Amino acid sequence: MAEFWASALDLRIERLDDGSAKLYPRDEAAPDVPTLWLQPTAPAKSGKNRVHPDLRPVGGDVEAEVERLLGLGAVRADVGQSGDEPFVVLADPEGNEFCVLRNEPRGV
């Protein structure tokens, strides 16, 4: 998982002795780039994710970003979408769904 998400988000990996990994922005990254902490769990994923990341491709080329992520190990995921959604649903190598957004999200 650390390799997938580090490559997907252009982060660097710091592996910890307990099997977890912290993913940090590279030195040249903007100050608002988030860090991630991945922790190992024994049971396989079941049900919905507790967190669902939405990714916005740099440059806006959604199809190129989807292909890049598929090349890193993501798979297309069916969560009941109709085909008209403004996003593409993928799952990481452990089955955790995330989306690649076709346009800028607007919160309420």
Protein backbone atom coordinates (compact mmCIF):
# COMPACT_ATOMS: atom_id res chain seq x y z
CA MET A 1 0.00 0.00 0.00
CA ALA A 2 2.79 2.41 0.83
CA GLU A 3 4.35 1.95 -2.61
CA PHE A 4 1.01 2.48 -4.38
CA TRP A 5 -0.03 5.62 -2.50
CA ALA A 6 3.49 7.10 -2.48
CA SER A 7 3.65 6.72 -6.26
CA ALA A 8 0.06 7.88 -6.77
CA LEU A 9 0.53 11.04 -4.71
CA ASP A 10 4.27 11.64 -5.27
CA LEU A 11 5.16 11.23 -1.60
CA ARG A 12 8.21 9.70 0.05
CA ILE A 13 7.97 6.69 2.37
CA GLU A 14 9.26 6.34 5.91
CA ARG A 15 8.73 2.77 7.11
CA LEU A 16 8.33 2.26 10.85
CA ASP A 17 9.30 -0.76 12.95
CA ASP A 18 5.65 -1.64 13.71
CA GLY A 19 4.89 -2.28 10.00
CA SER A 20 3.24 1.07 9.43
CA ALA A 21 4.44 3.64 6.93
CA LYS A 22 4.31 7.41 6.95
CA LEU A 23 4.11 9.11 3.58
CA TYR A 24 5.57 12.59 3.55
CA PRO A 25 5.69 15.32 0.91
CA ARG A 26 8.94 15.66 -0.96
CA ASP A 27 11.17 18.56 0.12
CA GLU A 28 10.15 20.66 -2.90
CA ALA A 29 6.39 20.14 -2.38
CA ALA A 30 4.01 22.95 -1.52
CA PRO A 31 3.43 23.44 2.22
CA ASP A 32 -0.23 22.31 2.00
CA VAL A 33 0.53 18.80 0.68
CA PRO A 34 -0.89 16.33 3.22
CA THR A 35 0.92 13.43 4.85
CA LEU A 36 -0.57 9.95 5.15
CA TRP A 37 -0.08 7.31 7.80
CA LEU A 38 -0.77 3.74 6.68
CA GLN A 39 -1.19 1.15 9.40
CA PRO A 40 -1.32 -2.61 8.90
CA THR A 41 -4.50 -4.46 9.81
CA ALA A 42 -5.17 -8.18 9.94
CA PRO A 43 -8.70 -8.44 8.58
CA ALA A 44 -9.39 -7.82 4.90
CA LYS A 45 -11.51 -4.82 3.94
CA SER A 46 -15.24 -5.39 4.27
CA GLY A 47 -17.92 -2.80 3.66
CA LYS A 48 -17.42 0.85 2.91
CA ASN A 49 -14.21 2.76 3.43
CA ARG A 50 -14.02 5.01 6.45
CA VAL A 51 -12.15 7.51 4.30
CA HIS A 52 -12.68 8.00 0.56
CA PRO A 53 -10.05 10.14 -1.16
CA ASP A 54 -10.95 12.21 -4.21
CA LEU A 55 -8.01 12.99 -6.47
CA ARG A 56 -7.79 15.89 -8.92
CA PRO A 57 -5.27 15.28 -11.69
CA VAL A 58 -2.64 17.95 -12.18
CA GLY A 59 -3.27 19.43 -15.60
CA GLY A 60 -6.83 18.09 -15.70
CA ASP A 61 -6.26 15.02 -17.93
CA VAL A 62 -8.52 12.55 -16.13
CA GLU A 63 -8.07 9.68 -18.58
CA ALA A 64 -4.27 9.93 -18.45
CA GLU A 65 -4.39 9.99 -14.64
CA VAL A 66 -6.71 6.97 -14.54
CA GLU A 67 -4.35 5.07 -16.85
CA ARG A 68 -1.36 6.05 -14.68
CA LEU A 69 -3.09 4.83 -11.53
CA LEU A 70 -4.17 1.59 -13.23
CA GLY A 71 -0.52 1.08 -14.16
CA LEU A 72 0.44 1.47 -10.49
CA GLY A 73 -1.97 -1.30 -9.45
CA ALA A 74 -5.38 0.37 -9.09
CA VAL A 75 -8.44 -1.32 -10.59
CA ARG A 76 -11.75 0.07 -11.79
CA ALA A 77 -14.46 -0.26 -9.15
CA ASP A 78 -18.22 -0.51 -9.52
CA VAL A 79 -20.08 1.12 -6.66
CA GLY A 80 -23.34 1.49 -8.57
CA GLN A 81 -22.42 4.43 -10.76
CA SER A 82 -24.61 5.16 -13.80
CA GLY A 83 -21.85 6.36 -16.13
CA ASP A 84 -22.78 10.04 -15.99
CA GLU A 85 -20.85 10.86 -12.82
CA PRO A 86 -18.25 13.62 -12.78
CA PHE A 87 -15.66 11.13 -11.47
CA VAL A 88 -14.04 7.76 -12.16
CA VAL A 89 -14.15 5.21 -9.33
CA LEU A 90 -11.02 3.13 -8.75
CA ALA A 91 -9.78 0.90 -5.95
CA ASP A 92 -6.24 0.63 -4.61
CA PRO A 93 -4.47 -2.76 -4.42
CA GLU A 94 -6.27 -3.59 -1.15
CA GLY A 95 -9.73 -2.72 -2.50
CA ASN A 96 -10.15 0.73 -0.96
CA GLU A 97 -12.21 2.88 -3.31
CA PHE A 98 -11.22 6.38 -4.36
CA CYS A 99 -12.23 8.71 -7.17
CA VAL A 100 -10.50 10.71 -9.85
CA LEU A 101 -12.57 13.86 -10.30
CA ARG A 102 -13.48 15.19 -13.73
CA ASN A 103 -14.14 18.70 -12.37
CA GLU A 104 -13.54 20.82 -9.29
CA PRO A 105 -15.72 19.69 -6.39
CA ARG A 106 -17.90 22.24 -4.69
CA GLY A 107 -18.86 21.69 -1.06
CA VAL A 108 -22.07 22.95 0.42
